[in-house]
Amino acid sequence: MFLKCYEFLVASLPLQRGNMSDWLYSDTVKDHFTSPRNVLLEDESSFEYDAKGQTGNIKCGDQMLMLLKINDDVITDVRWKTYGCASAIASTSMLSETIKGMKLEDAYKIRPEDLVVKLGGLPSFKIHCSVLGDKALRAAIDNYLEKTGRAGIFVEETTIICHCLGITDKDIENAFQNGARSWEQLQQATKIGTVCGSCKEKAADILHGFEHIYGS
C-alpha cells in the first residue's frame, strides 16, 4: 500500500506543484518534496532495519512508516514511506536527514516545531502534517527499546497550549483518544479555554491534526 501510494504521489508531482510561481511553501519545502531523502521505494525486506514505527490513518489520507538502523543507540540509517501531502513528505524527508548520527534519546525529543523551523515554515493549516514523521519516529524508537528490554525509559516532551490551566498537547491527545472530537467536547474533558480563551485556535488545530493521525 505505502509503495503504491508513494509512486502515485511521485507521478502526480507536476499536478501537485502546478505553477511553481504560485507555490505557497519555502524553497526548502519544495526541495524536500520534489527530491525527498531516504524514501523506501521497495518492500520493507529490501532494507535491513532494527526498529519499525507506523502511525496515521489511511482513511484520512495520512499514514507513515519509519524504519531505523541502530548501532550502540545511535541511528545510523533510516528509510520511510508515506501516504500524505507535500508537507508530510517534506517534513519527514527533513526529519530523516536530521536524525542520522543522532542518539536515540536526542531523536526522541525532536518536535514538529523543530522541523517546521528547518523547513523555513509551513502554512498553519499544514502544521499537523509534520506530526506524522515525529510520531512514527518515536514509535520506531519505542519498538527498539521494547525489543531490547528497555521499554518506557524515554518520556515524550510536551508543549503547554493553555497557559492559564497548564494544559499540554499531550492532554489534548489523551482527550481525543477518549472521544473528544469537537472544541466543546475538548473543553468538557480538559476545561481548556475556560479562562481567557486565547488558546482556542491553536488547540483546535492540534485537535484537527489528531484526526489525521488516528482517524475521526
N, C-alpha and C. Protein backbone atom coordinates (compact mmCIF):
# COMPACT_ATOMS: atom_id res chain seq x y z
N MET A 1 0.83 -1.21 0.00
CA MET A 1 0.00 0.00 0.00
C MET A 1 0.87 1.26 0.00
N PHE A 2 1.86 1.31 0.90
CA PHE A 2 2.70 2.51 1.00
C PHE A 2 3.42 2.77 -0.31
N LEU A 3 4.00 1.71 -0.91
CA LEU A 3 4.76 1.89 -2.14
C LEU A 3 3.87 2.41 -3.25
N LYS A 4 2.70 1.84 -3.41
CA LYS A 4 1.78 2.28 -4.46
C LYS A 4 1.37 3.73 -4.24
N CYS A 5 1.14 4.08 -2.98
CA CYS A 5 0.74 5.46 -2.67
C CYS A 5 1.85 6.43 -2.99
N TYR A 6 3.10 6.06 -2.65
CA TYR A 6 4.20 6.97 -2.91
C TYR A 6 4.44 7.10 -4.42
N GLU A 7 4.33 5.98 -5.14
CA GLU A 7 4.50 6.05 -6.60
C GLU A 7 3.45 6.97 -7.20
N PHE A 8 2.22 6.94 -6.66
CA PHE A 8 1.17 7.85 -7.13
C PHE A 8 1.55 9.29 -6.88
N LEU A 9 2.10 9.56 -5.69
CA LEU A 9 2.49 10.93 -5.36
C LEU A 9 3.58 11.43 -6.29
N VAL A 10 4.58 10.57 -6.55
CA VAL A 10 5.66 10.96 -7.44
C VAL A 10 5.13 11.22 -8.85
N ALA A 11 4.25 10.35 -9.30
CA ALA A 11 3.70 10.51 -10.64
C ALA A 11 2.86 11.77 -10.77
N SER A 12 2.27 12.20 -9.65
CA SER A 12 1.39 13.37 -9.69
C SER A 12 2.09 14.66 -9.29
N LEU A 13 3.40 14.63 -9.15
CA LEU A 13 4.13 15.83 -8.74
C LEU A 13 3.83 17.03 -9.62
N PRO A 14 3.84 16.87 -10.96
CA PRO A 14 3.55 18.05 -11.79
C PRO A 14 2.19 18.66 -11.47
N LEU A 15 1.21 17.80 -11.17
CA LEU A 15 -0.12 18.31 -10.85
C LEU A 15 -0.14 19.00 -9.50
N GLN A 16 0.59 18.41 -8.52
CA GLN A 16 0.60 18.99 -7.19
C GLN A 16 1.40 20.29 -7.18
N ARG A 17 2.48 20.33 -7.96
CA ARG A 17 3.32 21.52 -7.97
C ARG A 17 2.65 22.64 -8.76
N GLY A 18 1.97 22.25 -9.85
CA GLY A 18 1.31 23.25 -10.66
C GLY A 18 2.30 24.30 -11.14
N ASN A 19 1.88 25.54 -11.11
CA ASN A 19 2.75 26.65 -11.45
C ASN A 19 3.59 27.00 -10.23
N MET A 20 4.91 26.79 -10.32
CA MET A 20 5.77 26.99 -9.17
C MET A 20 5.76 28.44 -8.68
N SER A 21 5.35 29.36 -9.51
CA SER A 21 5.27 30.74 -9.06
C SER A 21 4.14 30.92 -8.06
N ASP A 22 3.18 29.96 -8.05
CA ASP A 22 2.07 30.00 -7.11
C ASP A 22 2.32 29.14 -5.87
N TRP A 23 3.51 28.55 -5.78
CA TRP A 23 3.87 27.67 -4.68
C TRP A 23 3.85 28.45 -3.36
N LEU A 24 3.13 27.91 -2.36
CA LEU A 24 2.94 28.61 -1.10
C LEU A 24 4.02 28.28 -0.06
N TYR A 25 4.92 27.37 -0.41
CA TYR A 25 5.89 26.89 0.56
C TYR A 25 7.29 27.46 0.28
N SER A 26 8.18 27.23 1.24
CA SER A 26 9.55 27.71 1.09
C SER A 26 10.30 26.88 0.06
N ASP A 27 11.45 27.39 -0.39
CA ASP A 27 12.28 26.64 -1.33
C ASP A 27 12.77 25.34 -0.71
N THR A 28 12.98 25.34 0.61
CA THR A 28 13.43 24.12 1.29
C THR A 28 12.35 23.05 1.26
N VAL A 29 11.11 23.46 1.49
CA VAL A 29 9.99 22.52 1.40
C VAL A 29 9.88 21.98 -0.02
N LYS A 30 10.00 22.87 -0.98
CA LYS A 30 9.92 22.47 -2.40
C LYS A 30 11.00 21.43 -2.71
N ASP A 31 12.21 21.68 -2.23
CA ASP A 31 13.33 20.76 -2.48
C ASP A 31 13.06 19.39 -1.89
N HIS A 32 12.62 19.35 -0.63
CA HIS A 32 12.39 18.06 0.04
C HIS A 32 11.15 17.35 -0.48
N PHE A 33 10.21 18.11 -1.04
CA PHE A 33 9.02 17.48 -1.62
C PHE A 33 9.33 16.86 -2.97
N THR A 34 10.04 17.60 -3.81
CA THR A 34 10.33 17.10 -5.16
C THR A 34 11.49 16.11 -5.19
N SER A 35 12.38 16.19 -4.18
CA SER A 35 13.51 15.26 -4.11
C SER A 35 13.66 14.73 -2.68
N PRO A 36 12.68 13.98 -2.21
CA PRO A 36 12.71 13.52 -0.82
C PRO A 36 13.88 12.57 -0.55
N ARG A 37 14.48 12.72 0.62
CA ARG A 37 15.63 11.91 1.01
C ARG A 37 15.18 10.67 1.78
N ASN A 38 15.94 9.59 1.56
CA ASN A 38 15.82 8.36 2.36
C ASN A 38 14.46 7.67 2.24
N VAL A 39 13.79 7.84 1.12
CA VAL A 39 12.49 7.18 0.90
C VAL A 39 12.71 5.69 0.62
N LEU A 40 11.89 4.84 1.19
CA LEU A 40 11.91 3.42 0.91
C LEU A 40 11.03 3.16 -0.30
N LEU A 41 11.65 2.92 -1.44
CA LEU A 41 10.92 2.77 -2.69
C LEU A 41 10.55 1.32 -2.99
N GLU A 42 11.15 0.40 -2.22
CA GLU A 42 10.85 -1.01 -2.43
C GLU A 42 10.16 -1.57 -1.20
N ASP A 43 10.07 -2.90 -1.13
CA ASP A 43 9.45 -3.54 0.01
C ASP A 43 10.31 -3.39 1.26
N GLU A 44 9.68 -3.54 2.43
CA GLU A 44 10.42 -3.44 3.70
C GLU A 44 11.61 -4.39 3.75
N SER A 45 11.47 -5.55 3.13
CA SER A 45 12.53 -6.56 3.18
C SER A 45 13.80 -6.11 2.47
N SER A 46 13.72 -5.03 1.69
CA SER A 46 14.90 -4.54 0.96
C SER A 46 15.81 -3.71 1.86
N PHE A 47 15.35 -3.40 3.07
CA PHE A 47 16.13 -2.57 3.99
C PHE A 47 16.27 -3.31 5.32
N GLU A 48 17.49 -3.59 5.70
CA GLU A 48 17.74 -4.31 6.95
C GLU A 48 17.63 -3.32 8.12
N TYR A 49 16.56 -3.42 8.87
CA TYR A 49 16.31 -2.44 9.92
C TYR A 49 16.26 -3.10 11.30
N ASP A 50 16.44 -2.25 12.31
CA ASP A 50 16.40 -2.71 13.70
C ASP A 50 15.13 -2.27 14.42
N ALA A 51 14.45 -1.29 13.87
CA ALA A 51 13.25 -0.76 14.52
C ALA A 51 12.24 -0.30 13.48
N LYS A 52 10.97 -0.46 13.82
CA LYS A 52 9.89 -0.09 12.90
C LYS A 52 8.80 0.65 13.64
N GLY A 53 8.37 1.77 13.06
CA GLY A 53 7.27 2.53 13.63
C GLY A 53 6.27 2.91 12.55
N GLN A 54 5.00 2.86 12.88
CA GLN A 54 3.97 3.22 11.91
C GLN A 54 2.88 4.01 12.61
N THR A 55 2.39 5.05 11.96
CA THR A 55 1.33 5.86 12.54
C THR A 55 0.47 6.45 11.44
N GLY A 56 -0.66 7.01 11.83
CA GLY A 56 -1.54 7.63 10.85
C GLY A 56 -2.76 6.79 10.56
N ASN A 57 -3.62 7.32 9.71
CA ASN A 57 -4.86 6.65 9.36
C ASN A 57 -5.10 6.84 7.87
N ILE A 58 -5.09 5.74 7.14
CA ILE A 58 -5.19 5.80 5.68
C ILE A 58 -6.53 6.40 5.24
N LYS A 59 -7.58 6.27 6.08
CA LYS A 59 -8.89 6.82 5.73
C LYS A 59 -8.85 8.33 5.66
N CYS A 60 -7.92 8.94 6.43
CA CYS A 60 -7.78 10.40 6.42
C CYS A 60 -6.73 10.86 5.41
N GLY A 61 -6.12 9.91 4.71
CA GLY A 61 -5.15 10.27 3.68
C GLY A 61 -3.74 10.50 4.18
N ASP A 62 -3.47 10.19 5.45
CA ASP A 62 -2.14 10.40 6.01
C ASP A 62 -1.70 9.15 6.77
N GLN A 63 -0.57 8.56 6.35
CA GLN A 63 -0.03 7.41 7.04
C GLN A 63 1.48 7.38 6.85
N MET A 64 2.19 6.90 7.87
CA MET A 64 3.64 6.97 7.84
C MET A 64 4.26 5.68 8.36
N LEU A 65 5.29 5.22 7.66
CA LEU A 65 6.10 4.08 8.07
C LEU A 65 7.54 4.56 8.23
N MET A 66 8.18 4.21 9.35
CA MET A 66 9.56 4.62 9.62
C MET A 66 10.38 3.40 10.01
N LEU A 67 11.51 3.20 9.34
CA LEU A 67 12.42 2.09 9.62
C LEU A 67 13.79 2.66 10.00
N LEU A 68 14.38 2.13 11.07
CA LEU A 68 15.65 2.65 11.56
C LEU A 68 16.71 1.55 11.65
N LYS A 69 17.93 1.91 11.27
CA LYS A 69 19.11 1.11 11.59
C LYS A 69 19.77 1.75 12.80
N ILE A 70 20.11 0.94 13.78
CA ILE A 70 20.63 1.48 15.04
C ILE A 70 21.86 0.71 15.47
N ASN A 71 22.88 1.43 15.92
CA ASN A 71 24.09 0.82 16.43
C ASN A 71 24.53 1.56 17.69
N ASP A 72 24.63 0.85 18.80
CA ASP A 72 25.01 1.46 20.07
C ASP A 72 24.13 2.66 20.41
N ASP A 73 22.83 2.49 20.19
CA ASP A 73 21.83 3.53 20.50
C ASP A 73 22.01 4.80 19.67
N VAL A 74 22.63 4.66 18.51
CA VAL A 74 22.78 5.77 17.56
C VAL A 74 22.10 5.37 16.25
N ILE A 75 21.29 6.25 15.69
CA ILE A 75 20.62 5.98 14.41
C ILE A 75 21.64 6.14 13.29
N THR A 76 21.90 5.05 12.59
CA THR A 76 22.91 5.08 11.53
C THR A 76 22.29 5.24 10.14
N ASP A 77 21.03 4.84 9.99
CA ASP A 77 20.36 5.00 8.70
C ASP A 77 18.85 4.93 8.92
N VAL A 78 18.12 5.41 7.93
CA VAL A 78 16.66 5.48 8.06
C VAL A 78 16.01 5.38 6.68
N ARG A 79 14.85 4.76 6.64
CA ARG A 79 14.01 4.75 5.45
C ARG A 79 12.57 4.99 5.89
N TRP A 80 11.79 5.59 5.00
CA TRP A 80 10.40 5.88 5.34
C TRP A 80 9.52 5.86 4.10
N LYS A 81 8.23 5.65 4.33
CA LYS A 81 7.22 5.74 3.28
C LYS A 81 6.02 6.47 3.86
N THR A 82 5.35 7.20 3.01
CA THR A 82 4.15 7.89 3.48
C THR A 82 3.09 7.95 2.41
N TYR A 83 1.86 8.02 2.87
CA TYR A 83 0.76 8.41 2.01
C TYR A 83 0.27 9.72 2.59
N GLY A 84 0.72 10.82 2.03
CA GLY A 84 0.40 12.12 2.61
C GLY A 84 0.67 13.24 1.63
N CYS A 85 0.53 14.46 2.12
CA CYS A 85 0.64 15.65 1.28
C CYS A 85 2.08 16.13 1.18
N ALA A 86 2.28 17.25 0.49
CA ALA A 86 3.61 17.83 0.31
C ALA A 86 4.27 18.12 1.65
N SER A 87 3.51 18.63 2.61
CA SER A 87 4.07 18.96 3.91
C SER A 87 4.54 17.73 4.65
N ALA A 88 3.77 16.65 4.57
CA ALA A 88 4.14 15.40 5.23
C ALA A 88 5.41 14.83 4.61
N ILE A 89 5.49 14.87 3.29
CA ILE A 89 6.66 14.35 2.59
C ILE A 89 7.89 15.18 2.92
N ALA A 90 7.78 16.49 2.82
CA ALA A 90 8.93 17.37 3.05
C ALA A 90 9.41 17.30 4.49
N SER A 91 8.49 17.31 5.45
CA SER A 91 8.89 17.30 6.86
C SER A 91 9.55 15.98 7.24
N THR A 92 9.06 14.87 6.68
CA THR A 92 9.67 13.58 7.00
C THR A 92 11.01 13.42 6.31
N SER A 93 11.14 13.95 5.11
CA SER A 93 12.43 13.96 4.43
C SER A 93 13.46 14.72 5.26
N MET A 94 13.07 15.90 5.75
CA MET A 94 13.96 16.68 6.59
C MET A 94 14.28 15.94 7.89
N LEU A 95 13.26 15.31 8.48
CA LEU A 95 13.46 14.55 9.71
C LEU A 95 14.46 13.42 9.50
N SER A 96 14.33 12.72 8.37
CA SER A 96 15.21 11.58 8.11
C SER A 96 16.67 12.01 7.99
N GLU A 97 16.92 13.19 7.46
CA GLU A 97 18.27 13.72 7.38
C GLU A 97 18.77 14.17 8.75
N THR A 98 17.87 14.74 9.53
CA THR A 98 18.25 15.28 10.83
C THR A 98 18.68 14.21 11.82
N ILE A 99 18.01 13.05 11.80
CA ILE A 99 18.25 12.05 12.85
C ILE A 99 19.44 11.13 12.56
N LYS A 100 19.98 11.17 11.36
CA LYS A 100 21.14 10.31 11.08
C LYS A 100 22.32 10.72 11.96
N GLY A 101 22.89 9.76 12.66
CA GLY A 101 24.01 10.03 13.55
C GLY A 101 23.58 10.54 14.91
N MET A 102 22.28 10.60 15.15
CA MET A 102 21.76 11.13 16.42
C MET A 102 21.51 10.00 17.42
N LYS A 103 21.76 10.27 18.68
CA LYS A 103 21.46 9.31 19.73
C LYS A 103 19.94 9.16 19.85
N LEU A 104 19.50 7.96 20.23
CA LEU A 104 18.07 7.70 20.34
C LEU A 104 17.38 8.68 21.28
N GLU A 105 18.01 8.97 22.41
CA GLU A 105 17.39 9.86 23.39
C GLU A 105 17.18 11.25 22.82
N ASP A 106 18.15 11.73 22.02
CA ASP A 106 18.02 13.06 21.41
C ASP A 106 16.98 13.05 20.30
N ALA A 107 16.96 11.99 19.51
CA ALA A 107 15.99 11.88 18.42
C ALA A 107 14.57 11.82 18.97
N TYR A 108 14.40 11.19 20.11
CA TYR A 108 13.08 11.05 20.73
C TYR A 108 12.50 12.40 21.13
N LYS A 109 13.38 13.37 21.34
CA LYS A 109 12.94 14.69 21.82
C LYS A 109 12.62 15.66 20.68
N ILE A 110 12.86 15.24 19.43
CA ILE A 110 12.56 16.13 18.31
C ILE A 110 11.07 16.44 18.26
N ARG A 111 10.75 17.71 18.05
CA ARG A 111 9.37 18.16 18.00
C ARG A 111 9.01 18.62 16.59
N PRO A 112 7.75 18.55 16.21
CA PRO A 112 7.34 19.05 14.89
C PRO A 112 7.78 20.49 14.65
N GLU A 113 7.76 21.29 15.71
CA GLU A 113 8.16 22.69 15.58
C GLU A 113 9.61 22.82 15.10
N ASP A 114 10.46 21.89 15.53
CA ASP A 114 11.86 21.90 15.11
C ASP A 114 11.97 21.71 13.59
N LEU A 115 11.15 20.82 13.06
CA LEU A 115 11.17 20.54 11.62
C LEU A 115 10.62 21.71 10.83
N VAL A 116 9.57 22.33 11.37
CA VAL A 116 8.97 23.49 10.69
C VAL A 116 10.00 24.60 10.53
N VAL A 117 10.80 24.83 11.57
CA VAL A 117 11.84 25.86 11.50
C VAL A 117 12.87 25.50 10.44
N LYS A 118 13.31 24.24 10.42
CA LYS A 118 14.31 23.79 9.45
C LYS A 118 13.80 23.92 8.02
N LEU A 119 12.49 23.77 7.84
CA LEU A 119 11.89 23.85 6.51
C LEU A 119 11.61 25.28 6.07
N GLY A 120 11.83 26.22 6.95
CA GLY A 120 11.53 27.61 6.61
C GLY A 120 10.07 27.95 6.74
N GLY A 121 9.35 27.16 7.55
CA GLY A 121 7.95 27.43 7.81
C GLY A 121 7.00 26.57 6.99
N LEU A 122 5.79 26.39 7.52
CA LEU A 122 4.70 25.72 6.82
C LEU A 122 3.43 26.53 7.06
N PRO A 123 2.47 26.47 6.13
CA PRO A 123 1.18 27.14 6.38
C PRO A 123 0.57 26.58 7.66
N SER A 124 -0.10 27.42 8.44
CA SER A 124 -0.64 27.00 9.73
C SER A 124 -1.57 25.79 9.60
N PHE A 125 -2.30 25.71 8.49
CA PHE A 125 -3.24 24.60 8.33
C PHE A 125 -2.55 23.31 7.90
N LYS A 126 -1.21 23.36 7.75
CA LYS A 126 -0.46 22.17 7.38
C LYS A 126 0.53 21.73 8.46
N ILE A 127 0.57 22.44 9.58
CA ILE A 127 1.50 22.09 10.65
C ILE A 127 1.27 20.66 11.14
N HIS A 128 0.01 20.24 11.20
CA HIS A 128 -0.28 18.90 11.73
C HIS A 128 0.36 17.80 10.88
N CYS A 129 0.67 18.09 9.62
CA CYS A 129 1.27 17.07 8.75
C CYS A 129 2.68 16.71 9.21
N SER A 130 3.37 17.66 9.86
CA SER A 130 4.72 17.40 10.32
C SER A 130 4.75 16.47 11.52
N VAL A 131 3.57 16.24 12.12
CA VAL A 131 3.48 15.37 13.30
C VAL A 131 3.62 13.91 12.90
N LEU A 132 3.26 13.56 11.68
CA LEU A 132 3.29 12.17 11.25
C LEU A 132 4.67 11.54 11.41
N GLY A 133 5.69 12.18 10.85
CA GLY A 133 7.05 11.64 10.95
C GLY A 133 7.53 11.60 12.38
N ASP A 134 7.21 12.64 13.13
CA ASP A 134 7.58 12.74 14.54
C ASP A 134 7.00 11.58 15.33
N LYS A 135 5.73 11.26 15.11
CA LYS A 135 5.07 10.16 15.80
C LYS A 135 5.63 8.80 15.37
N ALA A 136 5.85 8.63 14.07
CA ALA A 136 6.39 7.37 13.57
C ALA A 136 7.80 7.12 14.09
N LEU A 137 8.59 8.19 14.20
CA LEU A 137 9.95 8.07 14.73
C LEU A 137 9.92 7.56 16.17
N ARG A 138 9.09 8.19 17.00
CA ARG A 138 9.02 7.75 18.40
C ARG A 138 8.47 6.33 18.51
N ALA A 139 7.54 5.98 17.62
CA ALA A 139 7.02 4.61 17.63
C ALA A 139 8.13 3.61 17.30
N ALA A 140 9.00 3.98 16.36
CA ALA A 140 10.11 3.10 15.98
C ALA A 140 11.10 2.97 17.14
N ILE A 141 11.41 4.09 17.78
CA ILE A 141 12.33 4.04 18.92
C ILE A 141 11.73 3.23 20.06
N ASP A 142 10.44 3.41 20.32
CA ASP A 142 9.77 2.62 21.35
C ASP A 142 9.83 1.14 21.01
N ASN A 143 9.67 0.82 19.73
CA ASN A 143 9.75 -0.56 19.27
C ASN A 143 11.12 -1.16 19.57
N TYR A 144 12.17 -0.37 19.32
CA TYR A 144 13.54 -0.83 19.57
C TYR A 144 13.80 -0.99 21.06
N LEU A 145 13.34 -0.04 21.85
CA LEU A 145 13.55 -0.12 23.30
C LEU A 145 12.83 -1.32 23.89
N GLU A 146 11.64 -1.61 23.38
CA GLU A 146 10.90 -2.77 23.86
C GLU A 146 11.63 -4.06 23.52
N LYS A 147 12.17 -4.13 22.30
CA LYS A 147 12.89 -5.33 21.88
C LYS A 147 14.18 -5.54 22.67
N THR A 148 14.75 -4.45 23.18
CA THR A 148 16.00 -4.54 23.93
C THR A 148 15.77 -4.48 25.44
N GLY A 149 14.52 -4.68 25.87
CA GLY A 149 14.22 -4.77 27.28
C GLY A 149 14.29 -3.46 28.04
N ARG A 150 14.04 -2.32 27.35
CA ARG A 150 14.14 -1.01 28.00
C ARG A 150 12.91 -0.15 27.75
N ALA A 151 11.78 -0.79 27.62
CA ALA A 151 10.54 -0.07 27.30
C ALA A 151 10.25 1.01 28.33
N GLY A 152 9.89 2.20 27.83
CA GLY A 152 9.44 3.27 28.70
C GLY A 152 10.52 4.13 29.32
N ILE A 153 11.78 3.97 28.88
CA ILE A 153 12.85 4.76 29.52
C ILE A 153 12.88 6.20 29.03
N PHE A 154 12.29 6.46 27.85
CA PHE A 154 12.20 7.83 27.34
C PHE A 154 10.77 8.34 27.50
N VAL A 155 10.65 9.60 27.84
CA VAL A 155 9.33 10.22 28.01
C VAL A 155 9.16 11.32 26.97
N GLU A 156 8.04 11.29 26.27
CA GLU A 156 7.76 12.30 25.24
C GLU A 156 7.61 13.67 25.88
N GLU A 157 8.33 14.66 25.32
CA GLU A 157 8.20 16.01 25.83
C GLU A 157 6.86 16.61 25.41
N THR A 158 6.35 17.52 26.21
CA THR A 158 5.06 18.14 25.93
C THR A 158 5.21 19.65 25.78
N THR A 159 4.21 20.25 25.17
CA THR A 159 4.15 21.71 24.99
C THR A 159 2.88 22.24 25.64
N ILE A 160 3.01 23.24 26.47
CA ILE A 160 1.84 23.84 27.09
C ILE A 160 1.06 24.65 26.05
N ILE A 161 -0.20 24.33 25.91
CA ILE A 161 -1.07 25.02 24.96
C ILE A 161 -1.94 26.05 25.68
N CYS A 162 -2.48 25.67 26.81
CA CYS A 162 -3.29 26.58 27.62
C CYS A 162 -2.47 26.97 28.85
N HIS A 163 -1.91 28.16 28.83
CA HIS A 163 -1.04 28.59 29.92
C HIS A 163 -1.84 28.93 31.18
N CYS A 164 -3.08 29.25 31.03
CA CYS A 164 -3.90 29.57 32.21
C CYS A 164 -4.09 28.34 33.10
N LEU A 165 -4.27 27.17 32.46
CA LEU A 165 -4.55 25.95 33.22
C LEU A 165 -3.45 24.90 33.08
N GLY A 166 -2.39 25.22 32.33
CA GLY A 166 -1.28 24.29 32.19
C GLY A 166 -1.60 23.05 31.37
N ILE A 167 -2.52 23.17 30.43
CA ILE A 167 -2.93 22.03 29.60
C ILE A 167 -1.98 21.90 28.42
N THR A 168 -1.50 20.68 28.18
CA THR A 168 -0.49 20.43 27.16
C THR A 168 -1.08 19.78 25.92
N ASP A 169 -0.24 19.68 24.89
CA ASP A 169 -0.66 18.98 23.68
C ASP A 169 -0.93 17.50 23.96
N LYS A 170 -0.22 16.93 24.94
CA LYS A 170 -0.46 15.54 25.31
C LYS A 170 -1.82 15.39 25.97
N ASP A 171 -2.23 16.38 26.75
CA ASP A 171 -3.57 16.34 27.36
C ASP A 171 -4.65 16.35 26.27
N ILE A 172 -4.41 17.15 25.22
CA ILE A 172 -5.37 17.20 24.11
C ILE A 172 -5.40 15.87 23.38
N GLU A 173 -4.23 15.27 23.19
CA GLU A 173 -4.16 13.96 22.52
C GLU A 173 -4.92 12.92 23.34
N ASN A 174 -4.72 12.91 24.65
CA ASN A 174 -5.41 11.95 25.50
C ASN A 174 -6.92 12.16 25.45
N ALA A 175 -7.34 13.44 25.43
CA ALA A 175 -8.77 13.74 25.34
C ALA A 175 -9.34 13.24 24.02
N PHE A 176 -8.58 13.41 22.93
CA PHE A 176 -9.03 12.93 21.62
C PHE A 176 -9.20 11.41 21.65
N GLN A 177 -8.21 10.72 22.21
CA GLN A 177 -8.27 9.26 22.26
C GLN A 177 -9.41 8.77 23.14
N ASN A 178 -9.88 9.65 24.03
CA ASN A 178 -11.01 9.29 24.90
C ASN A 178 -12.34 9.80 24.36
N GLY A 179 -12.33 10.27 23.10
CA GLY A 179 -13.60 10.60 22.45
C GLY A 179 -13.87 12.05 22.14
N ALA A 180 -13.02 12.98 22.56
CA ALA A 180 -13.25 14.39 22.27
C ALA A 180 -12.97 14.68 20.79
N ARG A 181 -13.97 15.14 20.07
CA ARG A 181 -13.81 15.41 18.64
C ARG A 181 -14.10 16.86 18.28
N SER A 182 -14.74 17.58 19.16
CA SER A 182 -15.07 18.98 18.91
C SER A 182 -14.46 19.86 20.00
N TRP A 183 -14.46 21.17 19.76
CA TRP A 183 -13.95 22.10 20.76
C TRP A 183 -14.76 22.00 22.05
N GLU A 184 -16.06 21.86 21.93
CA GLU A 184 -16.91 21.77 23.10
C GLU A 184 -16.59 20.51 23.91
N GLN A 185 -16.38 19.38 23.21
CA GLN A 185 -16.04 18.14 23.89
C GLN A 185 -14.66 18.22 24.54
N LEU A 186 -13.73 18.92 23.87
CA LEU A 186 -12.39 19.09 24.44
C LEU A 186 -12.47 19.94 25.71
N GLN A 187 -13.30 20.98 25.70
CA GLN A 187 -13.46 21.81 26.89
C GLN A 187 -14.05 21.00 28.04
N GLN A 188 -15.02 20.16 27.74
CA GLN A 188 -15.63 19.34 28.77
C GLN A 188 -14.62 18.39 29.40
N ALA A 189 -13.71 17.89 28.56
CA ALA A 189 -12.74 16.90 29.04
C ALA A 189 -11.57 17.52 29.78
N THR A 190 -11.18 18.75 29.39
CA THR A 190 -9.94 19.33 29.95
C THR A 190 -10.12 20.69 30.60
N LYS A 191 -11.26 21.36 30.34
CA LYS A 191 -11.52 22.73 30.81
C LYS A 191 -10.66 23.76 30.06
N ILE A 192 -10.03 23.35 28.97
CA ILE A 192 -9.19 24.25 28.21
C ILE A 192 -10.00 25.43 27.68
N GLY A 193 -9.39 26.62 27.66
CA GLY A 193 -10.04 27.80 27.09
C GLY A 193 -11.14 28.39 27.93
N THR A 194 -11.29 27.93 29.18
CA THR A 194 -12.38 28.45 30.02
C THR A 194 -11.96 29.66 30.84
N VAL A 195 -10.70 30.08 30.71
CA VAL A 195 -10.24 31.27 31.45
C VAL A 195 -10.17 32.46 30.50
N CYS A 196 -9.12 32.53 29.68
CA CYS A 196 -9.01 33.67 28.76
C CYS A 196 -9.42 33.32 27.33
N GLY A 197 -9.32 32.03 26.97
CA GLY A 197 -9.75 31.59 25.64
C GLY A 197 -8.79 31.85 24.51
N SER A 198 -7.60 32.40 24.81
CA SER A 198 -6.66 32.74 23.74
C SER A 198 -6.03 31.51 23.08
N CYS A 199 -6.17 30.35 23.71
CA CYS A 199 -5.56 29.13 23.18
C CYS A 199 -6.48 28.38 22.21
N LYS A 200 -7.69 28.87 22.00
CA LYS A 200 -8.69 28.11 21.25
C LYS A 200 -8.22 27.74 19.85
N GLU A 201 -7.69 28.69 19.10
CA GLU A 201 -7.32 28.42 17.71
C GLU A 201 -6.22 27.36 17.62
N LYS A 202 -5.20 27.51 18.45
CA LYS A 202 -4.09 26.55 18.42
C LYS A 202 -4.55 25.17 18.88
N ALA A 203 -5.36 25.13 19.92
CA ALA A 203 -5.86 23.85 20.44
C ALA A 203 -6.75 23.16 19.41
N ALA A 204 -7.57 23.94 18.72
CA ALA A 204 -8.46 23.37 17.69
C ALA A 204 -7.64 22.80 16.54
N ASP A 205 -6.56 23.47 16.16
CA ASP A 205 -5.68 22.97 15.10
C ASP A 205 -5.04 21.65 15.52
N ILE A 206 -4.61 21.56 16.76
CA ILE A 206 -4.00 20.33 17.26
C ILE A 206 -5.02 19.20 17.27
N LEU A 207 -6.22 19.50 17.72
CA LEU A 207 -7.30 18.51 17.73
C LEU A 207 -7.57 17.99 16.33
N HIS A 208 -7.61 18.92 15.37
CA HIS A 208 -7.83 18.54 13.97
C HIS A 208 -6.70 17.66 13.46
N GLY A 209 -5.46 17.95 13.89
CA GLY A 209 -4.32 17.16 13.46
C GLY A 209 -4.41 15.72 13.91
N PHE A 210 -4.98 15.50 15.10
CA PHE A 210 -5.10 14.14 15.60
C PHE A 210 -6.12 13.33 14.80
N GLU A 211 -7.05 14.02 14.14
CA GLU A 211 -7.99 13.31 13.27
C GLU A 211 -7.25 12.65 12.12
N HIS A 212 -6.19 13.32 11.62
CA HIS A 212 -5.41 12.77 10.53
C HIS A 212 -4.54 11.61 11.00
N ILE A 213 -4.12 11.65 12.25
CA ILE A 213 -3.24 10.62 12.78
C ILE A 213 -4.04 9.37 13.19
N TYR A 214 -5.14 9.59 13.89
CA TYR A 214 -5.90 8.47 14.45
C TYR A 214 -7.20 8.17 13.74
N GLY A 215 -7.66 9.08 12.90
CA GLY A 215 -8.97 8.92 12.28
C GLY A 215 -10.04 9.59 13.12
N SER A 216 -11.16 9.90 12.52
CA SER A 216 -12.23 10.62 13.22
C SER A 216 -13.06 9.68 14.07
